[in-house]
Amino acid sequence: MIDRLDRKILQILQEDATIPVAEIGRRVGLSTTPCWRRIQKLEEDGVITKRVAVLDPKKVNAKVTVFVSITTSQHNEEWLKRFAEVIRDVPEVVEFYRMSGQVDYLLRVVVPDIEAYDLFYKRLISRIDIADVSSAFAMEQIKYATALPLNYIPLEKDKGTA
């Protein structure tokens, strides 16, 4: 279970994972060693799954975001497994969801331009049978966050400072 100190630590790490443990500890009212132990426990428990750098898409020439809606007539585990393998091999796909409703799968694809998207599309349809593909190009990114909301975590009573 997570307590209020763990939640504060997670919030800080979501904002900037490069902050030194001593500084995180100072911000949450812990010394360095107990703070480091909590971070290690959060990693061991799988709450923290990785620490990454968030890049500016324009500076790495991935400035076009495309939301790709896919429907299929194949609704079996074998097809899904094959489709997931195909998608895992495509670096332009940065998010991949199985959906409810009219669309079976939703992809978020990042590419430099429309021509690169067209190449992605042609590679995709050459590797897997899809009934319908619909693409929507993002015109403007109004909000983007990597931090998850933490106010929904059921809190355990405080563990103290150790």
C-alpha atoms as a PDB file:
ATOM      1  CA  MET A   1       0.000   0.000   0.000  1.00  0.00           C
ATOM      2  CA  ILE A   2       1.007   3.575  -0.616  1.00  0.00           C
ATOM      3  CA  ASP A   3       0.914   6.285   2.034  1.00  0.00           C
ATOM      4  CA  ARG A   4       0.956  10.081   1.730  1.00  0.00           C
ATOM      5  CA  LEU A   5       4.782  10.247   1.693  1.00  0.00           C
ATOM      6  CA  ASP A   6       4.978   7.695  -1.129  1.00  0.00           C
ATOM      7  CA  ARG A   7       2.397   9.705  -3.046  1.00  0.00           C
ATOM      8  CA  LYS A   8       4.450  12.893  -2.595  1.00  0.00           C
ATOM      9  CA  ILE A   9       7.581  11.061  -3.766  1.00  0.00           C
ATOM     10  CA  LEU A  10       5.739   9.765  -6.833  1.00  0.00           C
ATOM     11  CA  GLN A  11       4.487  13.255  -7.672  1.00  0.00           C
ATOM     12  CA  ILE A  12       8.010  14.669  -7.499  1.00  0.00           C
ATOM     13  CA  LEU A  13       9.455  11.852  -9.613  1.00  0.00           C
ATOM     14  CA  GLN A  14       6.716  12.256 -12.236  1.00  0.00           C
ATOM     15  CA  GLU A  15       7.626  15.939 -12.556  1.00  0.00           C
ATOM     16  CA  ASP A  16      11.400  15.337 -12.728  1.00  0.00           C
ATOM     17  CA  ALA A  17      13.023  11.940 -12.179  1.00  0.00           C
ATOM     18  CA  THR A  18      16.497  13.539 -12.140  1.00  0.00           C
ATOM     19  CA  ILE A  19      15.975  15.283  -8.800  1.00  0.00           C
ATOM     20  CA  PRO A  20      18.512  13.894  -6.299  1.00  0.00           C
ATOM     21  CA  VAL A  21      17.117  11.602  -3.599  1.00  0.00           C
ATOM     22  CA  ALA A  22      18.362  13.970  -0.904  1.00  0.00           C
ATOM     23  CA  GLU A  23      16.273  16.788  -2.425  1.00  0.00           C
ATOM     24  CA  ILE A  24      13.215  14.541  -2.734  1.00  0.00           C
ATOM     25  CA  GLY A  25      13.672  13.558   0.903  1.00  0.00           C
ATOM     26  CA  ARG A  26      13.946  17.199   1.952  1.00  0.00           C
ATOM     27  CA  ARG A  27      10.727  18.049   0.098  1.00  0.00           C
ATOM     28  CA  VAL A  28       8.765  15.227   1.742  1.00  0.00           C
ATOM     29  CA  GLY A  29      10.374  15.473   5.190  1.00  0.00           C
ATOM     30  CA  LEU A  30      12.618  12.388   5.091  1.00  0.00           C
ATOM     31  CA  SER A  31      16.355  11.880   5.266  1.00  0.00           C
ATOM     32  CA  THR A  32      18.082  10.444   2.204  1.00  0.00           C
ATOM     33  CA  THR A  33      18.250   6.761   3.219  1.00  0.00           C
ATOM     34  CA  PRO A  34      14.564   6.284   4.149  1.00  0.00           C
ATOM     35  CA  CYS A  35      13.549   8.194   1.029  1.00  0.00           C
ATOM     36  CA  TRP A  36      15.791   5.981  -1.150  1.00  0.00           C
ATOM     37  CA  ARG A  37      14.313   2.862   0.496  1.00  0.00           C
ATOM     38  CA  ARG A  38      10.802   4.038  -0.344  1.00  0.00           C
ATOM     39  CA  ILE A  39      11.766   4.688  -3.971  1.00  0.00           C
ATOM     40  CA  GLN A  40      13.371   1.239  -4.208  1.00  0.00           C
ATOM     41  CA  LYS A  41      10.230  -0.349  -2.727  1.00  0.00           C
ATOM     42  CA  LEU A  42       8.016   1.514  -5.197  1.00  0.00           C
ATOM     43  CA  GLU A  43      10.219   0.140  -8.001  1.00  0.00           C
ATOM     44  CA  GLU A  44      10.211  -3.404  -6.581  1.00  0.00           C
ATOM     45  CA  ASP A  45       6.405  -3.283  -6.260  1.00  0.00           C
ATOM     46  CA  GLY A  46       6.091  -2.189  -9.894  1.00  0.00           C
ATOM     47  CA  VAL A  47       4.538   1.191  -9.063  1.00  0.00           C
ATOM     48  CA  ILE A  48       7.517   2.871 -10.738  1.00  0.00           C
ATOM     49  CA  THR A  49       8.038   0.912 -13.944  1.00  0.00           C
ATOM     50  CA  LYS A  50      10.795   3.022 -15.537  1.00  0.00           C
ATOM     51  CA  ARG A  51      12.398   6.442 -15.582  1.00  0.00           C
ATOM     52  CA  VAL A  52      12.643   8.146 -18.954  1.00  0.00           C
ATOM     53  CA  ALA A  53      13.461  11.426 -20.656  1.00  0.00           C
ATOM     54  CA  VAL A  54      10.551  13.210 -22.338  1.00  0.00           C
ATOM     55  CA  LEU A  55      11.706  14.643 -25.663  1.00  0.00           C
ATOM     56  CA  ASP A  56      10.507  17.610 -27.701  1.00  0.00           C
ATOM     57  CA  PRO A  57       8.883  16.030 -30.794  1.00  0.00           C
ATOM     58  CA  LYS A  58       9.829  18.966 -33.019  1.00  0.00           C
ATOM     59  CA  LYS A  59      13.505  18.719 -32.105  1.00  0.00           C
ATOM     60  CA  VAL A  60      13.598  14.994 -32.974  1.00  0.00           C
ATOM     61  CA  ASN A  61      11.572  15.439 -36.190  1.00  0.00           C
ATOM     62  CA  ALA A  62       8.477  13.625 -34.919  1.00  0.00           C
ATOM     63  CA  LYS A  63       6.196  16.647 -35.111  1.00  0.00           C
ATOM     64  CA  VAL A  64       3.091  15.123 -36.743  1.00  0.00           C
ATOM     65  CA  THR A  65       0.726  13.161 -34.497  1.00  0.00           C
ATOM     66  CA  VAL A  66      -1.810  10.861 -36.114  1.00  0.00           C
ATOM     67  CA  PHE A  67      -4.598   9.010 -34.325  1.00  0.00           C
ATOM     68  CA  VAL A  68      -5.271   5.842 -36.281  1.00  0.00           C
ATOM     69  CA  SER A  69      -8.580   4.029 -35.749  1.00  0.00           C
ATOM     70  CA  ILE A  70      -8.577   0.416 -36.886  1.00  0.00           C
ATOM     71  CA  THR A  71     -11.428  -2.012 -37.303  1.00  0.00           C
ATOM     72  CA  THR A  72     -10.998  -5.637 -38.190  1.00  0.00           C
ATOM     73  CA  SER A  73     -13.171  -8.586 -39.083  1.00  0.00           C
ATOM     74  CA  GLN A  74     -10.705 -10.806 -37.206  1.00  0.00           C
ATOM     75  CA  HIS A  75     -11.739 -11.199 -33.579  1.00  0.00           C
ATOM     76  CA  ASN A  76      -9.598 -14.060 -32.404  1.00  0.00           C
ATOM     77  CA  GLU A  77      -6.601 -14.407 -30.142  1.00  0.00           C
ATOM     78  CA  GLU A  78      -4.251 -15.522 -32.914  1.00  0.00           C
ATOM     79  CA  TRP A  79      -4.947 -12.408 -35.031  1.00  0.00           C
ATOM     80  CA  LEU A  80      -4.582 -10.118 -32.002  1.00  0.00           C
ATOM     81  CA  LYS A  81      -1.266 -11.720 -31.091  1.00  0.00           C
ATOM     82  CA  ARG A  82       0.011 -11.252 -34.659  1.00  0.00           C
ATOM     83  CA  PHE A  83      -1.268  -7.656 -34.789  1.00  0.00           C
ATOM     84  CA  ALA A  84       0.391  -6.816 -31.460  1.00  0.00           C
ATOM     85  CA  GLU A  85       3.695  -8.255 -32.752  1.00  0.00           C
ATOM     86  CA  VAL A  86       3.454  -6.141 -35.901  1.00  0.00           C
ATOM     87  CA  ILE A  87       2.735  -2.984 -33.892  1.00  0.00           C
ATOM     88  CA  ARG A  88       5.521  -3.630 -31.358  1.00  0.00           C
ATOM     89  CA  ASP A  89       8.003  -3.643 -34.255  1.00  0.00           C
ATOM     90  CA  VAL A  90       6.917  -0.183 -35.480  1.00  0.00           C
ATOM     91  CA  PRO A  91       8.676   2.660 -33.637  1.00  0.00           C
ATOM     92  CA  GLU A  92       6.280   5.300 -35.005  1.00  0.00           C
ATOM     93  CA  VAL A  93       3.472   3.791 -32.894  1.00  0.00           C
ATOM     94  CA  VAL A  94       3.895   5.300 -29.437  1.00  0.00           C
ATOM     95  CA  GLU A  95       0.541   4.187 -27.993  1.00  0.00           C
ATOM     96  CA  PHE A  96      -1.635   1.187 -28.846  1.00  0.00           C
ATOM     97  CA  TYR A  97      -5.044   0.396 -27.345  1.00  0.00           C
ATOM     98  CA  ARG A  98      -7.747  -2.227 -27.805  1.00  0.00           C
ATOM     99  CA  MET A  99     -11.029  -0.347 -27.654  1.00  0.00           C
ATOM    100  CA  SER A 100     -14.703  -0.876 -26.972  1.00  0.00           C
ATOM    101  CA  GLY A 101     -17.303   0.537 -29.355  1.00  0.00           C
ATOM    102  CA  GLN A 102     -17.115   1.004 -33.127  1.00  0.00           C
ATOM    103  CA  VAL A 103     -13.306   1.089 -33.333  1.00  0.00           C
ATOM    104  CA  ASP A 104     -11.390  -2.066 -32.431  1.00  0.00           C
ATOM    105  CA  TYR A 105      -7.919  -0.525 -31.973  1.00  0.00           C
ATOM    106  CA  LEU A 106      -6.547   2.972 -31.580  1.00  0.00           C
ATOM    107  CA  LEU A 107      -2.944   3.919 -32.333  1.00  0.00           C
ATOM    108  CA  ARG A 108      -1.100   7.134 -31.683  1.00  0.00           C
ATOM    109  CA  VAL A 109       1.534   7.486 -34.362  1.00  0.00           C
ATOM    110  CA  VAL A 110       4.254  10.144 -34.562  1.00  0.00           C
ATOM    111  CA  VAL A 111       6.037  10.925 -37.820  1.00  0.00           C
ATOM    112  CA  PRO A 112       7.859  13.858 -39.421  1.00  0.00           C
ATOM    113  CA  ASP A 113       5.265  14.537 -42.119  1.00  0.00           C
ATOM    114  CA  ILE A 114       2.347  13.164 -44.143  1.00  0.00           C
ATOM    115  CA  GLU A 115       4.669  11.339 -46.549  1.00  0.00           C
ATOM    116  CA  ALA A 116       6.211   9.436 -43.640  1.00  0.00           C
ATOM    117  CA  TYR A 117       2.724   8.574 -42.413  1.00  0.00           C
ATOM    118  CA  ASP A 118       1.842   7.245 -45.868  1.00  0.00           C
ATOM    119  CA  LEU A 119       4.923   4.971 -45.759  1.00  0.00           C
ATOM    120  CA  PHE A 120       3.917   3.798 -42.254  1.00  0.00           C
ATOM    121  CA  TYR A 121       0.386   3.084 -43.512  1.00  0.00           C
ATOM    122  CA  LYS A 122       1.629   1.075 -46.500  1.00  0.00           C
ATOM    123  CA  ARG A 123       3.975  -0.982 -44.283  1.00  0.00           C
ATOM    124  CA  LEU A 124       1.151  -1.637 -41.835  1.00  0.00           C
ATOM    125  CA  ILE A 125      -1.386  -2.874 -44.377  1.00  0.00           C
ATOM    126  CA  SER A 126       1.242  -5.040 -46.073  1.00  0.00           C
ATOM    127  CA  ARG A 127       1.899  -6.905 -42.814  1.00  0.00           C
ATOM    128  CA  ILE A 128      -1.604  -7.517 -41.417  1.00  0.00           C
ATOM    129  CA  ASP A 129      -5.167  -7.830 -42.723  1.00  0.00           C
ATOM    130  CA  ILE A 130      -7.286  -4.881 -41.532  1.00  0.00           C
ATOM    131  CA  ALA A 131     -10.930  -4.203 -42.443  1.00  0.00           C
ATOM    132  CA  ASP A 132     -10.783  -0.407 -42.110  1.00  0.00           C
ATOM    133  CA  VAL A 133      -8.244   2.272 -41.196  1.00  0.00           C
ATOM    134  CA  SER A 134      -9.195   5.857 -40.423  1.00  0.00           C
ATOM    135  CA  SER A 135      -6.572   8.503 -39.695  1.00  0.00           C
ATOM    136  CA  ALA A 136      -7.030  11.808 -37.904  1.00  0.00           C
ATOM    137  CA  PHE A 137      -4.143  14.275 -37.919  1.00  0.00           C
ATOM    138  CA  ALA A 138      -3.734  16.375 -34.786  1.00  0.00           C
ATOM    139  CA  MET A 139      -3.774  20.040 -35.708  1.00  0.00           C
ATOM    140  CA  GLU A 140      -2.611  21.354 -32.327  1.00  0.00           C
ATOM    141  CA  GLN A 141      -1.567  19.769 -29.061  1.00  0.00           C
ATOM    142  CA  ILE A 142      -3.439  21.602 -26.323  1.00  0.00           C
ATOM    143  CA  LYS A 143      -2.493  19.399 -23.379  1.00  0.00           C
ATOM    144  CA  TYR A 144       0.077  16.658 -23.006  1.00  0.00           C
ATOM    145  CA  ALA A 145       1.055  15.081 -19.727  1.00  0.00           C
ATOM    146  CA  THR A 146       3.098  12.088 -18.756  1.00  0.00           C
ATOM    147  CA  ALA A 147       2.200  12.359 -15.065  1.00  0.00           C
ATOM    148  CA  LEU A 148      -0.705  10.225 -13.877  1.00  0.00           C
ATOM    149  CA  PRO A 149      -3.215  11.669 -11.384  1.00  0.00           C
ATOM    150  CA  LEU A 150      -2.296  10.374  -7.947  1.00  0.00           C
ATOM    151  CA  ASN A 151      -5.319  11.559  -5.969  1.00  0.00           C
ATOM    152  CA  TYR A 152      -7.111   8.246  -6.696  1.00  0.00           C
ATOM    153  CA  ILE A 153      -4.568   6.129  -4.807  1.00  0.00           C
ATOM    154  CA  PRO A 154      -6.158   4.593  -1.717  1.00  0.00           C
ATOM    155  CA  LEU A 155      -3.769   5.628   1.040  1.00  0.00           C
ATOM    156  CA  GLU A 156      -2.505   3.374   3.785  1.00  0.00           C
ATOM    157  CA  LYS A 157      -2.006   4.939   7.170  1.00  0.00           C
ATOM    158  CA  ASP A 158       1.397   6.601   7.285  1.00  0.00           C
ATOM    159  CA  LYS A 159       4.273   4.160   7.674  1.00  0.00           C
ATOM    160  CA  GLY A 160       6.313   6.684   9.594  1.00  0.00           C
ATOM    161  CA  THR A 161       9.691   7.873   8.432  1.00  0.00           C
ATOM    162  CA  ALA A 162      11.547   4.585   8.011  1.00  0.00           C
END
